[in-house]
Each structure stands twice: as C-alpha cells, then as structure tokens.
Amino acid sequence: MKLLFICTHNRCRSILSEAITNHLAARRIRAYSAGSQPVGEVHPQSIHYLQARGISTEGLVSKSWHELEGTNPDAVVTVCDSAAGEACPLWLGDSVKVHWGLPDPSKLRGSDSEIEAAFTSVMDTVEARIGRLLDENADRLRGAELERVLMKIAEDAK
C-alpha cells in the first residue's frame, strides 16, 4: 500500500509522518510526503527528533506534490488544516482522501523542553495512528474499506 502525507509546506508534520510510517511499516506500507507550496527544506528539528528515535532521515526532502505524479497512492492523508482545504491535483484521481490533523510543533516558540514535548507529542500520535492502521491490516484494504478505517482512526484521535 502507498500513503501520501500532505502538508502545505512539507517541512515538518508530513515529513515526520512519512519517516515514521516507513520505519514502522517498512514491508507493508510505502509512505511519501509532499506539499502544495513546499519551502524546499526539512525543518531541522524534524530531522533531530527523528534521529533521536532511531528513525532514518535518509532521502527526506521538502517537495511539491507534482514531483510525485505517477505515484498513484492508495490514500492521501492531509496533516495540516490548510492542506485539508486545498484542492488536490487531478493526478491523485480515485485515491482515498482523509484528514489527520496534527498541531505544528515547528511553530512553537518556547523553551527547549516545550519544543521537545511538542515534537514528541506529534510523533507519538503518528506512531499510534500507524500502529492502529497496521493492527487493522489496512494495508490489505482499498477504496471504501480503507477510507472507513482511516476515518475511524482520525475520529478516535479527537
């Protein structure tokens, strides 16, 4: 199964989601990330906290969703509210589309411990959601069944 995580700037939340998913579900799910208006660089704290957990950061880059044309993801998961409101490119076709909103830890201005806590919280949330996805064997699902599981995970997170 292929998942595409989208966040407008593709520098933090979608990058974290891509890396964590590929780490946890390496043989079952292939994750990608992109943005509608990528900033061109991954937020340094995203790299730092992924590496601190032993998650590979190799190949992580901030990129436009147009660079992934032809990927044909089974599902597109928006992780920021602004991306959820954007029209997805036509090439995404019949991909299931769901929203898994996450707060942006890269925008937090506070102490080192507050920033670490914010990144940790987002990463824990992504790990829990991907864990549930794997527990549900969602990598074997397509279409409406996959959408149902992804939506349930999003609803249970509220």
Protein backbone atom coordinates (compact mmCIF):
# COMPACT_ATOMS: atom_id res chain seq x y z
CA MET A 1 0.00 0.00 0.00
CA LYS A 2 1.13 3.56 -0.71
CA LEU A 3 0.28 6.55 1.51
CA LEU A 4 0.92 10.16 0.61
CA PHE A 5 1.06 12.62 3.52
CA ILE A 6 0.37 16.21 2.52
CA CYS A 7 1.06 19.40 4.42
CA THR A 8 1.21 22.77 2.68
CA HIS A 9 4.91 23.44 3.27
CA ASN A 10 6.13 19.82 3.58
CA ARG A 11 8.74 20.62 6.21
CA CYS A 12 7.56 19.08 9.49
CA ARG A 13 4.31 17.14 10.06
CA SER A 14 4.13 15.41 6.68
CA ILE A 15 7.86 14.66 6.83
CA LEU A 16 7.50 13.16 10.33
CA SER A 17 4.55 11.07 9.11
CA GLU A 18 6.46 9.79 6.07
CA ALA A 19 9.54 8.80 8.09
CA ILE A 20 7.62 7.20 10.97
CA THR A 21 5.35 5.23 8.64
CA ASN A 22 8.26 3.90 6.61
CA HIS A 23 10.06 3.00 9.84
CA LEU A 24 7.12 1.14 11.42
CA ALA A 25 5.59 -0.43 8.31
CA ALA A 26 8.58 -0.91 6.03
CA ARG A 27 7.36 -4.03 4.28
CA ARG A 28 3.65 -3.28 4.39
CA ILE A 29 3.26 0.42 3.58
CA ARG A 30 5.36 2.80 1.49
CA ALA A 31 4.88 6.38 2.61
CA TYR A 32 5.66 9.60 0.77
CA SER A 33 5.17 13.25 1.68
CA ALA A 34 4.73 16.43 -0.29
CA GLY A 35 3.24 19.90 -0.16
CA SER A 36 1.28 22.27 -2.33
CA GLN A 37 3.73 25.08 -1.50
CA PRO A 38 6.90 23.35 -0.26
CA VAL A 39 9.53 25.51 1.39
CA GLY A 40 12.37 23.46 -0.04
CA GLU A 41 13.93 22.29 3.22
CA VAL A 42 13.00 19.98 6.06
CA HIS A 43 12.74 21.68 9.44
CA PRO A 44 15.98 20.87 11.32
CA GLN A 45 14.11 19.84 14.49
CA SER A 46 12.17 17.26 12.45
CA ILE A 47 15.46 15.65 11.47
CA HIS A 48 16.82 15.95 15.01
CA TYR A 49 13.86 14.27 16.73
CA LEU A 50 13.52 11.53 14.11
CA GLN A 51 17.20 10.65 14.51
CA ALA A 52 16.84 10.75 18.29
CA ARG A 53 14.28 7.94 17.95
CA GLY A 54 16.49 5.95 15.62
CA ILE A 55 14.32 6.67 12.59
CA SER A 56 16.10 7.08 9.28
CA THR A 57 16.08 10.57 7.77
CA GLU A 58 17.81 9.49 4.58
CA GLY A 59 16.11 10.87 1.49
CA LEU A 60 13.75 13.21 3.35
CA VAL A 61 13.27 16.37 1.30
CA SER A 62 10.63 19.08 1.10
CA LYS A 63 8.97 18.67 -2.29
CA SER A 64 5.94 19.60 -4.34
CA TRP A 65 3.14 17.11 -4.75
CA HIS A 66 3.68 17.48 -8.52
CA GLU A 67 7.02 15.69 -8.11
CA LEU A 68 5.11 12.56 -7.08
CA GLU A 69 2.85 12.45 -10.12
CA GLY A 70 2.58 8.83 -11.18
CA THR A 71 3.00 7.51 -7.64
CA ASN A 72 -0.69 6.51 -7.52
CA PRO A 73 -1.16 6.45 -3.74
CA ASP A 74 -3.92 4.32 -2.28
CA ALA A 75 -4.63 7.08 0.23
CA VAL A 76 -3.81 10.75 0.64
CA VAL A 77 -3.66 11.94 4.25
CA THR A 78 -3.58 15.67 4.94
CA VAL A 79 -1.98 16.52 8.27
CA CYS A 80 -2.43 20.31 8.36
CA ASP A 81 -5.71 22.19 8.24
CA SER A 82 -4.69 24.44 5.34
CA ALA A 83 -3.80 21.43 3.16
CA ALA A 84 -7.10 19.79 4.06
CA GLY A 85 -8.92 22.72 2.47
CA GLU A 86 -6.91 22.70 -0.76
CA ALA A 87 -7.97 21.03 -3.97
CA CYS A 88 -5.75 18.03 -4.63
CA PRO A 89 -4.14 17.65 -8.05
CA LEU A 90 -6.11 15.73 -10.65
CA TRP A 91 -3.48 13.00 -10.89
CA LEU A 92 -4.50 11.78 -7.42
CA GLY A 93 -7.65 10.51 -9.11
CA ASP A 94 -9.50 7.92 -7.08
CA SER A 95 -7.13 7.89 -4.12
CA VAL A 96 -8.90 7.84 -0.77
CA LYS A 97 -8.55 11.26 0.88
CA VAL A 98 -8.72 11.80 4.65
CA HIS A 99 -7.60 14.41 7.17
CA TRP A 100 -5.49 13.54 10.20
CA GLY A 101 -4.94 16.98 11.70
CA LEU A 102 -1.76 17.49 13.71
CA PRO A 103 -0.53 20.62 15.52
CA ASP A 104 2.63 22.15 14.05
CA PRO A 105 5.47 21.76 16.56
CA SER A 106 7.83 23.75 14.35
CA LYS A 107 5.88 26.95 15.02
CA LEU A 108 6.13 26.70 18.79
CA ARG A 109 8.24 29.35 20.46
CA GLY A 110 9.22 28.26 23.92
CA SER A 111 11.84 26.51 25.97
CA ASP A 112 13.80 23.56 24.63
CA SER A 113 11.73 21.22 26.81
CA GLU A 114 8.44 22.67 25.50
CA ILE A 115 9.60 22.26 21.90
CA GLU A 116 10.76 18.72 22.58
CA ALA A 117 7.41 17.91 24.20
CA ALA A 118 5.54 19.28 21.16
CA PHE A 119 7.58 17.19 18.71
CA THR A 120 7.28 14.14 20.95
CA SER A 121 3.51 14.52 21.12
CA VAL A 122 3.12 14.75 17.34
CA MET A 123 5.46 11.81 16.76
CA ASP A 124 3.66 9.70 19.39
CA THR A 125 0.33 10.49 17.70
CA VAL A 126 1.63 9.45 14.28
CA GLU A 127 3.11 6.25 15.72
CA ALA A 128 -0.18 5.39 17.41
CA ARG A 129 -2.19 6.02 14.24
CA ILE A 130 0.14 3.96 12.07
CA GLY A 131 0.11 1.22 14.71
CA ARG A 132 -3.69 1.14 14.51
CA LEU A 133 -3.54 1.09 10.72
CA LEU A 134 -1.28 -1.95 10.86
CA ASP A 135 -3.41 -3.64 13.55
CA GLU A 136 -6.43 -3.25 11.27
CA ASN A 137 -4.47 -4.78 8.37
CA ALA A 138 -5.43 -1.69 6.41
CA ASP A 139 -2.51 -2.26 4.06
CA ARG A 140 -4.66 -5.01 2.52
CA LEU A 141 -7.66 -2.72 2.04
CA ARG A 142 -8.57 -0.42 -0.82
CA GLY A 143 -11.30 2.09 -1.64
CA ALA A 144 -14.23 2.49 0.72
CA GLU A 145 -12.95 -0.04 3.26
CA LEU A 146 -9.60 1.73 3.52
CA GLU A 147 -11.34 5.09 3.81
CA ARG A 148 -13.54 3.75 6.62
CA VAL A 149 -10.52 2.61 8.65
CA LEU A 150 -8.58 5.85 8.05
CA MET A 151 -11.60 7.96 9.04
CA LYS A 152 -12.17 5.88 12.18
CA ILE A 153 -8.56 6.44 13.23
CA ALA A 154 -8.99 10.20 12.68
CA GLU A 155 -12.25 10.32 14.63
CA ASP A 156 -10.86 8.34 17.55
CA ALA A 157 -7.98 10.81 17.82
CA LYS A 158 -10.32 13.73 18.58
